[in-house]
PDB file of N, CA and C in Angstrom:
ATOM      1  N   MET A   1     -20.255 -22.494  26.927  1.00  0.00           N
ATOM      2  CA  MET A   1     -21.480 -21.810  26.579  1.00  0.00           C
ATOM      3  C   MET A   1     -22.464 -21.992  27.737  1.00  0.00           C
ATOM      4  N   THR A   2     -23.047 -20.926  28.166  1.00  0.00           N
ATOM      5  CA  THR A   2     -23.981 -21.008  29.280  1.00  0.00           C
ATOM      6  C   THR A   2     -25.345 -21.491  28.796  1.00  0.00           C
ATOM      7  N   GLY A   3     -26.176 -21.888  29.737  1.00  0.00           N
ATOM      8  CA  GLY A   3     -27.507 -22.388  29.398  1.00  0.00           C
ATOM      9  C   GLY A   3     -28.380 -21.342  28.735  1.00  0.00           C
ATOM     10  N   ILE A   4     -28.232 -20.090  29.149  1.00  0.00           N
ATOM     11  CA  ILE A   4     -29.037 -19.003  28.569  1.00  0.00           C
ATOM     12  C   ILE A   4     -28.656 -18.792  27.105  1.00  0.00           C
ATOM     13  N   VAL A   5     -27.365 -18.828  26.804  1.00  0.00           N
ATOM     14  CA  VAL A   5     -26.912 -18.649  25.424  1.00  0.00           C
ATOM     15  C   VAL A   5     -27.392 -19.822  24.569  1.00  0.00           C
ATOM     16  N   ALA A   6     -27.297 -21.038  25.085  1.00  0.00           N
ATOM     17  CA  ALA A   6     -27.757 -22.209  24.341  1.00  0.00           C
ATOM     18  C   ALA A   6     -29.263 -22.137  24.087  1.00  0.00           C
ATOM     19  N   LEU A   7     -30.027 -21.706  25.074  1.00  0.00           N
ATOM     20  CA  LEU A   7     -31.468 -21.550  24.911  1.00  0.00           C
ATOM     21  C   LEU A   7     -31.788 -20.480  23.878  1.00  0.00           C
ATOM     22  N   TYR A   8     -31.043 -19.384  23.905  1.00  0.00           N
ATOM     23  CA  TYR A   8     -31.232 -18.319  22.923  1.00  0.00           C
ATOM     24  C   TYR A   8     -30.963 -18.827  21.505  1.00  0.00           C
ATOM     25  N   ILE A   9     -29.886 -19.560  21.318  1.00  0.00           N
ATOM     26  CA  ILE A   9     -29.556 -20.104  19.994  1.00  0.00           C
ATOM     27  C   ILE A   9     -30.632 -21.084  19.536  1.00  0.00           C
ATOM     28  N   PHE A  10     -31.102 -21.929  20.443  1.00  0.00           N
ATOM     29  CA  PHE A  10     -32.152 -22.887  20.093  1.00  0.00           C
ATOM     30  C   PHE A  10     -33.428 -22.163  19.671  1.00  0.00           C
ATOM     31  N   MET A  11     -33.835 -21.161  20.432  1.00  0.00           N
ATOM     32  CA  MET A  11     -35.063 -20.436  20.101  1.00  0.00           C
ATOM     33  C   MET A  11     -34.919 -19.684  18.783  1.00  0.00           C
ATOM     34  N   LEU A  12     -33.772 -19.104  18.542  1.00  0.00           N
ATOM     35  CA  LEU A  12     -33.529 -18.398  17.288  1.00  0.00           C
ATOM     36  C   LEU A  12     -33.564 -19.361  16.101  1.00  0.00           C
ATOM     37  N   ALA A  13     -32.951 -20.537  16.266  1.00  0.00           N
ATOM     38  CA  ALA A  13     -32.956 -21.538  15.193  1.00  0.00           C
ATOM     39  C   ALA A  13     -34.376 -22.050  14.936  1.00  0.00           C
ATOM     40  N   ALA A  14     -35.143 -22.279  15.996  1.00  0.00           N
ATOM     41  CA  ALA A  14     -36.515 -22.758  15.824  1.00  0.00           C
ATOM     42  C   ALA A  14     -37.369 -21.723  15.099  1.00  0.00           C
ATOM     43  N   PHE A  15     -37.266 -20.465  15.484  1.00  0.00           N
ATOM     44  CA  PHE A  15     -38.033 -19.398  14.839  1.00  0.00           C
ATOM     45  C   PHE A  15     -37.627 -19.248  13.377  1.00  0.00           C
ATOM     46  N   THR A  16     -36.327 -19.234  13.107  1.00  0.00           N
ATOM     47  CA  THR A  16     -35.843 -19.095  11.738  1.00  0.00           C
ATOM     48  C   THR A  16     -36.289 -20.268  10.878  1.00  0.00           C
ATOM     49  N   GLY A  17     -36.175 -21.485  11.408  1.00  0.00           N
ATOM     50  CA  GLY A  17     -36.617 -22.663  10.659  1.00  0.00           C
ATOM     51  C   GLY A  17     -38.089 -22.619  10.331  1.00  0.00           C
ATOM     52  N   TYR A  18     -38.909 -22.219  11.300  1.00  0.00           N
ATOM     53  CA  TYR A  18     -40.349 -22.122  11.059  1.00  0.00           C
ATOM     54  C   TYR A  18     -40.647 -21.088   9.980  1.00  0.00           C
ATOM     55  N   GLU A  19     -40.021 -19.934  10.050  1.00  0.00           N
ATOM     56  CA  GLU A  19     -40.272 -18.882   9.071  1.00  0.00           C
ATOM     57  C   GLU A  19     -39.828 -19.303   7.664  1.00  0.00           C
ATOM     58  N   VAL A  20     -38.708 -20.000   7.566  1.00  0.00           N
ATOM     59  CA  VAL A  20     -38.217 -20.434   6.253  1.00  0.00           C
ATOM     60  C   VAL A  20     -39.149 -21.494   5.660  1.00  0.00           C
ATOM     61  N   ILE A  21     -39.506 -22.497   6.443  1.00  0.00           N
ATOM     62  CA  ILE A  21     -40.346 -23.583   5.947  1.00  0.00           C
ATOM     63  C   ILE A  21     -41.755 -23.090   5.620  1.00  0.00           C
ATOM     64  N   ALA A  22     -42.269 -22.152   6.379  1.00  0.00           N
ATOM     65  CA  ALA A  22     -43.632 -21.655   6.142  1.00  0.00           C
ATOM     66  C   ALA A  22     -43.741 -20.943   4.798  1.00  0.00           C
ATOM     67  N   ARG A  23     -42.646 -20.454   4.261  1.00  0.00           N
ATOM     68  CA  ARG A  23     -42.686 -19.715   2.998  1.00  0.00           C
ATOM     69  C   ARG A  23     -42.332 -20.566   1.780  1.00  0.00           C
ATOM     70  N   VAL A  24     -42.162 -21.866   1.951  1.00  0.00           N
ATOM     71  CA  VAL A  24     -41.814 -22.737   0.833  1.00  0.00           C
ATOM     72  C   VAL A  24     -43.080 -23.092   0.047  1.00  0.00           C
ATOM     73  N   PRO A  25     -43.070 -22.917  -1.273  1.00  0.00           N
ATOM     74  CA  PRO A  25     -44.236 -23.318  -2.072  1.00  0.00           C
ATOM     75  C   PRO A  25     -44.459 -24.831  -1.997  1.00  0.00           C
ATOM     76  N   VAL A  26     -45.698 -25.246  -2.143  1.00  0.00           N
ATOM     77  CA  VAL A  26     -46.063 -26.665  -2.014  1.00  0.00           C
ATOM     78  C   VAL A  26     -45.287 -27.527  -3.002  1.00  0.00           C
ATOM     79  N   ILE A  27     -45.043 -27.044  -4.200  1.00  0.00           N
ATOM     80  CA  ILE A  27     -44.391 -27.833  -5.246  1.00  0.00           C
ATOM     81  C   ILE A  27     -42.943 -28.182  -4.869  1.00  0.00           C
ATOM     82  N   LEU A  28     -42.338 -27.424  -3.965  1.00  0.00           N
ATOM     83  CA  LEU A  28     -40.946 -27.667  -3.597  1.00  0.00           C
ATOM     84  C   LEU A  28     -40.774 -28.540  -2.364  1.00  0.00           C
ATOM     85  N   HIS A  29     -41.858 -28.939  -1.712  1.00  0.00           N
ATOM     86  CA  HIS A  29     -41.724 -29.693  -0.474  1.00  0.00           C
ATOM     87  C   HIS A  29     -41.022 -31.034  -0.675  1.00  0.00           C
ATOM     88  N   THR A  30     -41.355 -31.779  -1.739  1.00  0.00           N
ATOM     89  CA  THR A  30     -40.734 -33.091  -1.945  1.00  0.00           C
ATOM     90  C   THR A  30     -39.233 -32.989  -2.172  1.00  0.00           C
ATOM     91  N   PRO A  31     -38.748 -32.106  -3.070  1.00  0.00           N
ATOM     92  CA  PRO A  31     -37.288 -31.995  -3.218  1.00  0.00           C
ATOM     93  C   PRO A  31     -36.598 -31.520  -1.938  1.00  0.00           C
ATOM     94  N   LEU A  32     -37.238 -30.631  -1.194  1.00  0.00           N
ATOM     95  CA  LEU A  32     -36.626 -30.163   0.045  1.00  0.00           C
ATOM     96  C   LEU A  32     -36.588 -31.259   1.095  1.00  0.00           C
ATOM     97  N   MET A  33     -37.619 -32.086   1.159  1.00  0.00           N
ATOM     98  CA  MET A  33     -37.612 -33.192   2.111  1.00  0.00           C
ATOM     99  C   MET A  33     -36.507 -34.178   1.765  1.00  0.00           C
ATOM    100  N   SER A  34     -36.315 -34.407   0.481  1.00  0.00           N
ATOM    101  CA  SER A  34     -35.256 -35.309   0.070  1.00  0.00           C
ATOM    102  C   SER A  34     -33.894 -34.764   0.491  1.00  0.00           C
ATOM    103  N   GLY A  35     -33.703 -33.484   0.328  1.00  0.00           N
ATOM    104  CA  GLY A  35     -32.446 -32.872   0.758  1.00  0.00           C
ATOM    105  C   GLY A  35     -32.299 -32.846   2.261  1.00  0.00           C
ATOM    106  N   SER A  36     -33.405 -32.665   2.973  1.00  0.00           N
ATOM    107  CA  SER A  36     -33.311 -32.627   4.430  1.00  0.00           C
ATOM    108  C   SER A  36     -33.008 -34.007   5.007  1.00  0.00           C
ATOM    109  N   ASN A  37     -33.334 -35.065   4.281  1.00  0.00           N
ATOM    110  CA  ASN A  37     -32.976 -36.408   4.745  1.00  0.00           C
ATOM    111  C   ASN A  37     -31.463 -36.564   4.825  1.00  0.00           C
ATOM    112  N   PHE A  38     -30.745 -35.886   3.950  1.00  0.00           N
ATOM    113  CA  PHE A  38     -29.288 -35.885   3.999  1.00  0.00           C
ATOM    114  C   PHE A  38     -28.805 -35.262   5.312  1.00  0.00           C
ATOM    115  N   VAL A  39     -29.440 -34.164   5.698  1.00  0.00           N
ATOM    116  CA  VAL A  39     -29.077 -33.494   6.943  1.00  0.00           C
ATOM    117  C   VAL A  39     -29.401 -34.389   8.137  1.00  0.00           C
ATOM    118  N   HIS A  40     -30.513 -35.112   8.078  1.00  0.00           N
ATOM    119  CA  HIS A  40     -30.866 -36.021   9.163  1.00  0.00           C
ATOM    120  C   HIS A  40     -29.813 -37.121   9.311  1.00  0.00           C
ATOM    121  N   GLY A  41     -29.274 -37.573   8.193  1.00  0.00           N
ATOM    122  CA  GLY A  41     -28.207 -38.572   8.244  1.00  0.00           C
ATOM    123  C   GLY A  41     -26.956 -38.020   8.917  1.00  0.00           C
ATOM    124  N   ILE A  42     -26.657 -36.744   8.661  1.00  0.00           N
ATOM    125  CA  ILE A  42     -25.511 -36.121   9.313  1.00  0.00           C
ATOM    126  C   ILE A  42     -25.757 -36.019  10.818  1.00  0.00           C
ATOM    127  N   GLY A  43     -26.988 -35.708  11.185  1.00  0.00           N
ATOM    128  CA  GLY A  43     -27.341 -35.665  12.610  1.00  0.00           C
ATOM    129  C   GLY A  43     -27.170 -37.011  13.273  1.00  0.00           C
ATOM    130  N   LEU A  44     -27.497 -38.071  12.556  1.00  0.00           N
ATOM    131  CA  LEU A  44     -27.318 -39.428  13.080  1.00  0.00           C
ATOM    132  C   LEU A  44     -25.837 -39.731  13.295  1.00  0.00           C
ATOM    133  N   VAL A  45     -25.011 -39.363  12.342  1.00  0.00           N
ATOM    134  CA  VAL A  45     -23.563 -39.577  12.497  1.00  0.00           C
ATOM    135  C   VAL A  45     -23.033 -38.774  13.684  1.00  0.00           C
ATOM    136  N   GLY A  46     -23.496 -37.534  13.834  1.00  0.00           N
ATOM    137  CA  GLY A  46     -23.067 -36.711  14.962  1.00  0.00           C
ATOM    138  C   GLY A  46     -23.477 -37.316  16.298  1.00  0.00           C
ATOM    139  N   ALA A  47     -24.692 -37.872  16.350  1.00  0.00           N
ATOM    140  CA  ALA A  47     -25.154 -38.514  17.586  1.00  0.00           C
ATOM    141  C   ALA A  47     -24.314 -39.753  17.899  1.00  0.00           C
ATOM    142  N   MET A  48     -23.932 -40.504  16.872  1.00  0.00           N
ATOM    143  CA  MET A  48     -23.093 -41.689  17.099  1.00  0.00           C
ATOM    144  C   MET A  48     -21.703 -41.295  17.586  1.00  0.00           C
ATOM    145  N   VAL A  49     -21.153 -40.212  17.024  1.00  0.00           N
ATOM    146  CA  VAL A  49     -19.839 -39.738  17.468  1.00  0.00           C
ATOM    147  C   VAL A  49     -19.915 -39.268  18.921  1.00  0.00           C
ATOM    148  N   ALA A  50     -20.980 -38.533  19.250  1.00  0.00           N
ATOM    149  CA  ALA A  50     -21.141 -38.064  20.635  1.00  0.00           C
ATOM    150  C   ALA A  50     -21.295 -39.245  21.585  1.00  0.00           C
ATOM    151  N   LEU A  51     -22.018 -40.273  21.162  1.00  0.00           N
ATOM    152  CA  LEU A  51     -22.165 -41.472  21.995  1.00  0.00           C
ATOM    153  C   LEU A  51     -20.822 -42.172  22.160  1.00  0.00           C
ATOM    154  N   GLY A  52     -20.004 -42.165  21.134  1.00  0.00           N
ATOM    155  CA  GLY A  52     -18.685 -42.784  21.218  1.00  0.00           C
ATOM    156  C   GLY A  52     -17.766 -42.099  22.216  1.00  0.00           C
ATOM    157  N   TYR A  53     -17.923 -40.803  22.400  1.00  0.00           N
ATOM    158  CA  TYR A  53     -17.097 -40.059  23.339  1.00  0.00           C
ATOM    159  C   TYR A  53     -17.702 -39.974  24.742  1.00  0.00           C
ATOM    160  N   ALA A  54     -18.873 -40.557  24.938  1.00  0.00           N
ATOM    161  CA  ALA A  54     -19.543 -40.484  26.244  1.00  0.00           C
ATOM    162  C   ALA A  54     -18.728 -41.235  27.290  1.00  0.00           C
ATOM    163  N   ALA A  55     -18.596 -40.627  28.466  1.00  0.00           N
ATOM    164  CA  ALA A  55     -17.808 -41.242  29.533  1.00  0.00           C
ATOM    165  C   ALA A  55     -18.685 -41.779  30.660  1.00  0.00           C
ATOM    166  N   SER A  56     -19.638 -40.997  31.096  1.00  0.00           N
ATOM    167  CA  SER A  56     -20.475 -41.434  32.217  1.00  0.00           C
ATOM    168  C   SER A  56     -21.719 -42.168  31.711  1.00  0.00           C
ATOM    169  N   THR A  57     -22.378 -42.831  32.613  1.00  0.00           N
ATOM    170  CA  THR A  57     -23.602 -43.559  32.249  1.00  0.00           C
ATOM    171  C   THR A  57     -24.673 -42.595  31.773  1.00  0.00           C
ATOM    172  N   ARG A  58     -24.770 -41.448  32.415  1.00  0.00           N
ATOM    173  CA  ARG A  58     -25.760 -40.447  32.014  1.00  0.00           C
ATOM    174  C   ARG A  58     -25.511 -39.989  30.580  1.00  0.00           C
ATOM    175  N   GLU A  59     -24.264 -39.722  30.237  1.00  0.00           N
ATOM    176  CA  GLU A  59     -23.924 -39.304  28.880  1.00  0.00           C
ATOM    177  C   GLU A  59     -24.239 -40.397  27.874  1.00  0.00           C
ATOM    178  N   LYS A  60     -23.983 -41.646  28.244  1.00  0.00           N
ATOM    179  CA  LYS A  60     -24.268 -42.763  27.336  1.00  0.00           C
ATOM    180  C   LYS A  60     -25.764 -42.925  27.102  1.00  0.00           C
ATOM    181  N   VAL A  61     -26.565 -42.748  28.137  1.00  0.00           N
ATOM    182  CA  VAL A  61     -28.019 -42.858  27.991  1.00  0.00           C
ATOM    183  C   VAL A  61     -28.546 -41.738  27.097  1.00  0.00           C
ATOM    184  N   ILE A  62     -28.085 -40.530  27.339  1.00  0.00           N
ATOM    185  CA  ILE A  62     -28.515 -39.400  26.512  1.00  0.00           C
ATOM    186  C   ILE A  62     -28.043 -39.586  25.067  1.00  0.00           C
ATOM    187  N   GLY A  63     -26.806 -40.040  24.877  1.00  0.00           N
ATOM    188  CA  GLY A  63     -26.283 -40.291  23.531  1.00  0.00           C
ATOM    189  C   GLY A  63     -27.049 -41.373  22.807  1.00  0.00           C
ATOM    190  N   PHE A  64     -27.403 -42.445  23.532  1.00  0.00           N
ATOM    191  CA  PHE A  64     -28.176 -43.528  22.922  1.00  0.00           C
ATOM    192  C   PHE A  64     -29.558 -43.031  22.519  1.00  0.00           C
ATOM    193  N   GLY A  65     -30.153 -42.212  23.382  1.00  0.00           N
ATOM    194  CA  GLY A  65     -31.451 -41.620  23.021  1.00  0.00           C
ATOM    195  C   GLY A  65     -31.338 -40.738  21.794  1.00  0.00           C
ATOM    196  N   GLY A  66     -30.247 -39.992  21.701  1.00  0.00           N
ATOM    197  CA  GLY A  66     -30.017 -39.159  20.520  1.00  0.00           C
ATOM    198  C   GLY A  66     -29.867 -39.977  19.255  1.00  0.00           C
ATOM    199  N   VAL A  67     -29.158 -41.105  19.351  1.00  0.00           N
ATOM    200  CA  VAL A  67     -28.995 -41.982  18.188  1.00  0.00           C
ATOM    201  C   VAL A  67     -30.348 -42.552  17.773  1.00  0.00           C
ATOM    202  N   LEU A  68     -31.141 -42.993  18.742  1.00  0.00           N
ATOM    203  CA  LEU A  68     -32.467 -43.540  18.415  1.00  0.00           C
ATOM    204  C   LEU A  68     -33.359 -42.495  17.749  1.00  0.00           C
ATOM    205  N   LEU A  69     -33.395 -41.301  18.317  1.00  0.00           N
ATOM    206  CA  LEU A  69     -34.234 -40.247  17.743  1.00  0.00           C
ATOM    207  C   LEU A  69     -33.754 -39.833  16.352  1.00  0.00           C
ATOM    208  N   ALA A  70     -32.444 -39.710  16.176  1.00  0.00           N
ATOM    209  CA  ALA A  70     -31.908 -39.317  14.869  1.00  0.00           C
ATOM    210  C   ALA A  70     -32.161 -40.402  13.827  1.00  0.00           C
ATOM    211  N   ALA A  71     -32.027 -41.668  14.219  1.00  0.00           N
ATOM    212  CA  ALA A  71     -32.292 -42.762  13.280  1.00  0.00           C
ATOM    213  C   ALA A  71     -33.768 -42.789  12.893  1.00  0.00           C
ATOM    214  N   GLY A  72     -34.640 -42.623  13.869  1.00  0.00           N
ATOM    215  CA  GLY A  72     -36.069 -42.583  13.569  1.00  0.00           C
ATOM    216  C   GLY A  72     -36.430 -41.416  12.675  1.00  0.00           C
ATOM    217  N   ASN A  73     -35.782 -40.280  12.887  1.00  0.00           N
ATOM    218  CA  ASN A  73     -36.019 -39.104  12.060  1.00  0.00           C
ATOM    219  C   ASN A  73     -35.584 -39.346  10.621  1.00  0.00           C
ATOM    220  N   ALA A  74     -34.422 -39.931  10.423  1.00  0.00           N
ATOM    221  CA  ALA A  74     -33.926 -40.194   9.071  1.00  0.00           C
ATOM    222  C   ALA A  74     -34.787 -41.222   8.353  1.00  0.00           C
ATOM    223  N   VAL A  75     -35.101 -42.321   9.016  1.00  0.00           N
ATOM    224  CA  VAL A  75     -35.915 -43.366   8.390  1.00  0.00           C
ATOM    225  C   VAL A  75     -37.318 -42.848   8.089  1.00  0.00           C
ATOM    226  N   GLY A  76     -37.897 -42.126   9.031  1.00  0.00           N
ATOM    227  CA  GLY A  76     -39.227 -41.563   8.803  1.00  0.00           C
ATOM    228  C   GLY A  76     -39.237 -40.564   7.665  1.00  0.00           C
ATOM    229  N   GLY A  77     -38.182 -39.783   7.542  1.00  0.00           N
ATOM    230  CA  GLY A  77     -38.097 -38.828   6.439  1.00  0.00           C
ATOM    231  C   GLY A  77     -38.061 -39.510   5.090  1.00  0.00           C
ATOM    232  N   TYR A  78     -37.301 -40.593   4.982  1.00  0.00           N
ATOM    233  CA  TYR A  78     -37.268 -41.330   3.719  1.00  0.00           C
ATOM    234  C   TYR A  78     -38.615 -41.978   3.428  1.00  0.00           C
ATOM    235  N   ALA A  79     -39.298 -42.490   4.440  1.00  0.00           N
ATOM    236  CA  ALA A  79     -40.606 -43.115   4.232  1.00  0.00           C
ATOM    237  C   ALA A  79     -41.632 -42.092   3.748  1.00  0.00           C
ATOM    238  N   VAL A  80     -41.631 -40.907   4.355  1.00  0.00           N
ATOM    239  CA  VAL A  80     -42.572 -39.866   3.943  1.00  0.00           C
ATOM    240  C   VAL A  80     -42.255 -39.387   2.534  1.00  0.00           C
ATOM    241  N   THR A  81     -40.968 -39.224   2.213  1.00  0.00           N
ATOM    242  CA  THR A  81     -40.583 -38.805   0.866  1.00  0.00           C
ATOM    243  C   THR A  81     -41.023 -39.833  -0.159  1.00  0.00           C
ATOM    244  N   GLU A  82     -40.863 -41.103   0.150  1.00  0.00           N
ATOM    245  CA  GLU A  82     -41.286 -42.163  -0.779  1.00  0.00           C
ATOM    246  C   GLU A  82     -42.788 -42.112  -1.008  1.00  0.00           C
ATOM    247  N   ARG A  83     -43.542 -41.906   0.042  1.00  0.00           N
ATOM    248  CA  ARG A  83     -45.004 -41.814  -0.111  1.00  0.00           C
ATOM    249  C   ARG A  83     -45.396 -40.590  -0.923  1.00  0.00           C
ATOM    250  N   MET A  84     -44.700 -39.481  -0.718  1.00  0.00           N
ATOM    251  CA  MET A  84     -45.019 -38.276  -1.482  1.00  0.00           C
ATOM    252  C   MET A  84     -44.684 -38.465  -2.957  1.00  0.00           C
ATOM    253  N   LEU A  85     -43.568 -39.104  -3.247  1.00  0.00           N
ATOM    254  CA  LEU A  85     -43.199 -39.350  -4.640  1.00  0.00           C
ATOM    255  C   LEU A  85     -44.168 -40.324  -5.300  1.00  0.00           C
ATOM    256  N   GLU A  86     -44.711 -41.255  -4.537  1.00  0.00           N
ATOM    257  CA  GLU A  86     -45.685 -42.215  -5.061  1.00  0.00           C
ATOM    258  C   GLU A  86     -46.953 -41.491  -5.528  1.00  0.00           C
ATOM    259  N   MET A  87     -47.280 -40.386  -4.907  1.00  0.00           N
ATOM    260  CA  MET A  87     -48.475 -39.632  -5.287  1.00  0.00           C
ATOM    261  C   MET A  87     -48.335 -39.021  -6.679  1.00  0.00           C
ATOM    262  N   PHE A  88     -47.129 -38.770  -7.137  1.00  0.00           N
ATOM    263  CA  PHE A  88     -46.919 -38.136  -8.428  1.00  0.00           C
ATOM    264  C   PHE A  88     -46.860 -39.133  -9.579  1.00  0.00           C
ATOM    265  N   LYS A  89     -46.825 -40.428  -9.292  1.00  0.00           N
ATOM    266  CA  LYS A  89     -46.778 -41.431 -10.347  1.00  0.00           C
ATOM    267  C   LYS A  89     -48.173 -41.670 -10.902  1.00  0.00           C
ATOM    268  N   SER A  90     -48.239 -42.034 -12.190  1.00  0.00           N
ATOM    269  CA  SER A  90     -49.541 -42.363 -12.770  1.00  0.00           C
ATOM    270  C   SER A  90     -49.999 -43.714 -12.234  1.00  0.00           C
ATOM    271  N   SER A  91     -51.278 -44.009 -12.355  1.00  0.00           N
ATOM    272  CA  SER A  91     -51.813 -45.247 -11.798  1.00  0.00           C
ATOM    273  C   SER A  91     -51.220 -46.472 -12.492  1.00  0.00           C
ATOM    274  N   GLY A  92     -50.818 -46.360 -13.759  1.00  0.00           N
ATOM    275  CA  GLY A  92     -50.187 -47.477 -14.457  1.00  0.00           C
ATOM    276  C   GLY A  92     -48.794 -47.763 -13.938  1.00  0.00           C
ATOM    277  N   ALA A  93     -48.066 -46.725 -13.540  1.00  0.00           N
ATOM    278  CA  ALA A  93     -46.705 -46.894 -13.025  1.00  0.00           C
ATOM    279  C   ALA A  93     -46.706 -47.479 -11.620  1.00  0.00           C
ATOM    280  N   ARG A  94     -47.815 -47.319 -10.901  1.00  0.00           N
ATOM    281  CA  ARG A  94     -47.914 -47.865  -9.556  1.00  0.00           C
ATOM    282  C   ARG A  94     -48.165 -49.357  -9.558  1.00  0.00           C
ATOM    283  N   GLY A  95     -48.543 -49.888 -10.701  1.00  0.00           N
ATOM    284  CA  GLY A  95     -48.842 -51.317 -10.756  1.00  0.00           C
ATOM    285  C   GLY A  95     -50.253 -51.615 -10.284  1.00  0.00           C
ATOM    286  N   GLY A  96     -51.155 -50.662 -10.499  1.00  0.00           N
ATOM    287  CA  GLY A  96     -52.521 -50.828 -10.050  1.00  0.00           C
ATOM    288  C   GLY A  96     -53.278 -51.894 -10.820  1.00  0.00           C
ATOM    289  N   GLY A  97     -52.788 -52.266 -12.000  1.00  0.00           N
ATOM    290  CA  GLY A  97     -53.445 -53.322 -12.763  1.00  0.00           C
ATOM    291  C   GLY A  97     -54.583 -52.774 -13.604  1.00  0.00           C
ATOM    292  N   LYS A  98     -55.652 -52.324 -13.023  1.00  0.00           N
ATOM    293  CA  LYS A  98     -56.807 -51.809 -13.737  1.00  0.00           C
ATOM    294  C   LYS A  98     -56.466 -50.475 -14.379  1.00  0.00           C
ATOM    295  N   GLY A  99     -57.080 -50.226 -15.506  1.00  0.00           N
ATOM    296  CA  GLY A  99     -56.917 -48.934 -16.157  1.00  0.00           C
ATOM    297  C   GLY A  99     -55.664 -48.843 -16.981  1.00  0.00           C
ATOM    298  N   GLY A 100     -54.534 -49.236 -16.472  1.00  0.00           N
ATOM    299  CA  GLY A 100     -53.279 -49.222 -17.216  1.00  0.00           C
ATOM    300  C   GLY A 100     -52.760 -47.840 -17.515  1.00  0.00           C
ATOM    301  N   GLY A 101     -53.225 -46.842 -16.824  1.00  0.00           N
ATOM    302  CA  GLY A 101     -52.711 -45.497 -17.045  1.00  0.00           C
ATOM    303  C   GLY A 101     -53.205 -44.946 -18.358  1.00  0.00           C
ATOM    304  N   ALA A 102     -52.337 -44.298 -19.152  1.00  0.00           N
ATOM    305  CA  ALA A 102     -52.716 -43.662 -20.412  1.00  0.00           C
ATOM    306  C   ALA A 102     -52.515 -44.582 -21.605  1.00  0.00           C
ATOM    307  N   LYS A 103     -52.091 -45.817 -21.405  1.00  0.00           N
ATOM    308  CA  LYS A 103     -51.819 -46.725 -22.513  1.00  0.00           C
ATOM    309  C   LYS A 103     -53.124 -47.112 -23.211  1.00  0.00           C
ATOM    310  N   GLY A 104     -53.059 -47.144 -24.514  1.00  0.00           N
ATOM    311  CA  GLY A 104     -54.199 -47.625 -25.304  1.00  0.00           C
ATOM    312  C   GLY A 104     -55.368 -46.664 -25.386  1.00  0.00           C
ATOM    313  N   LYS A 105     -55.221 -45.467 -24.951  1.00  0.00           N
ATOM    314  CA  LYS A 105     -56.308 -44.489 -25.020  1.00  0.00           C
ATOM    315  C   LYS A 105     -55.948 -43.400 -26.021  1.00  0.00           C
ATOM    316  N   HIS A 106     -56.054 -43.723 -27.322  1.00  0.00           N
ATOM    317  CA  HIS A 106     -55.726 -42.742 -28.371  1.00  0.00           C
ATOM    318  C   HIS A 106     -56.962 -42.259 -29.017  1.00  0.00           C
TER     319      HIS A 106
END
């Protein structure tokens, strides 16, 4: 594959991804982020496989950088998803102590 074809595919994927994500309703962002974390994990496995097949020092450095970036992406995605899910819990379920949520308010 030539560099021009690879650049074309990258630009097409970036444009398509932006258009798809821009049209997602706010209520669906948390479930979609959770599903996208699965894809990030696959990217991490792919980066590790590519690093395993690296022969030259340059390939190993690029592969190691790919593993680091993919791992950071996956971990960050889970952290953001956890924070978003925390926003949907009542204050009593968070362990806030005060107020106790809806308990005892009849």
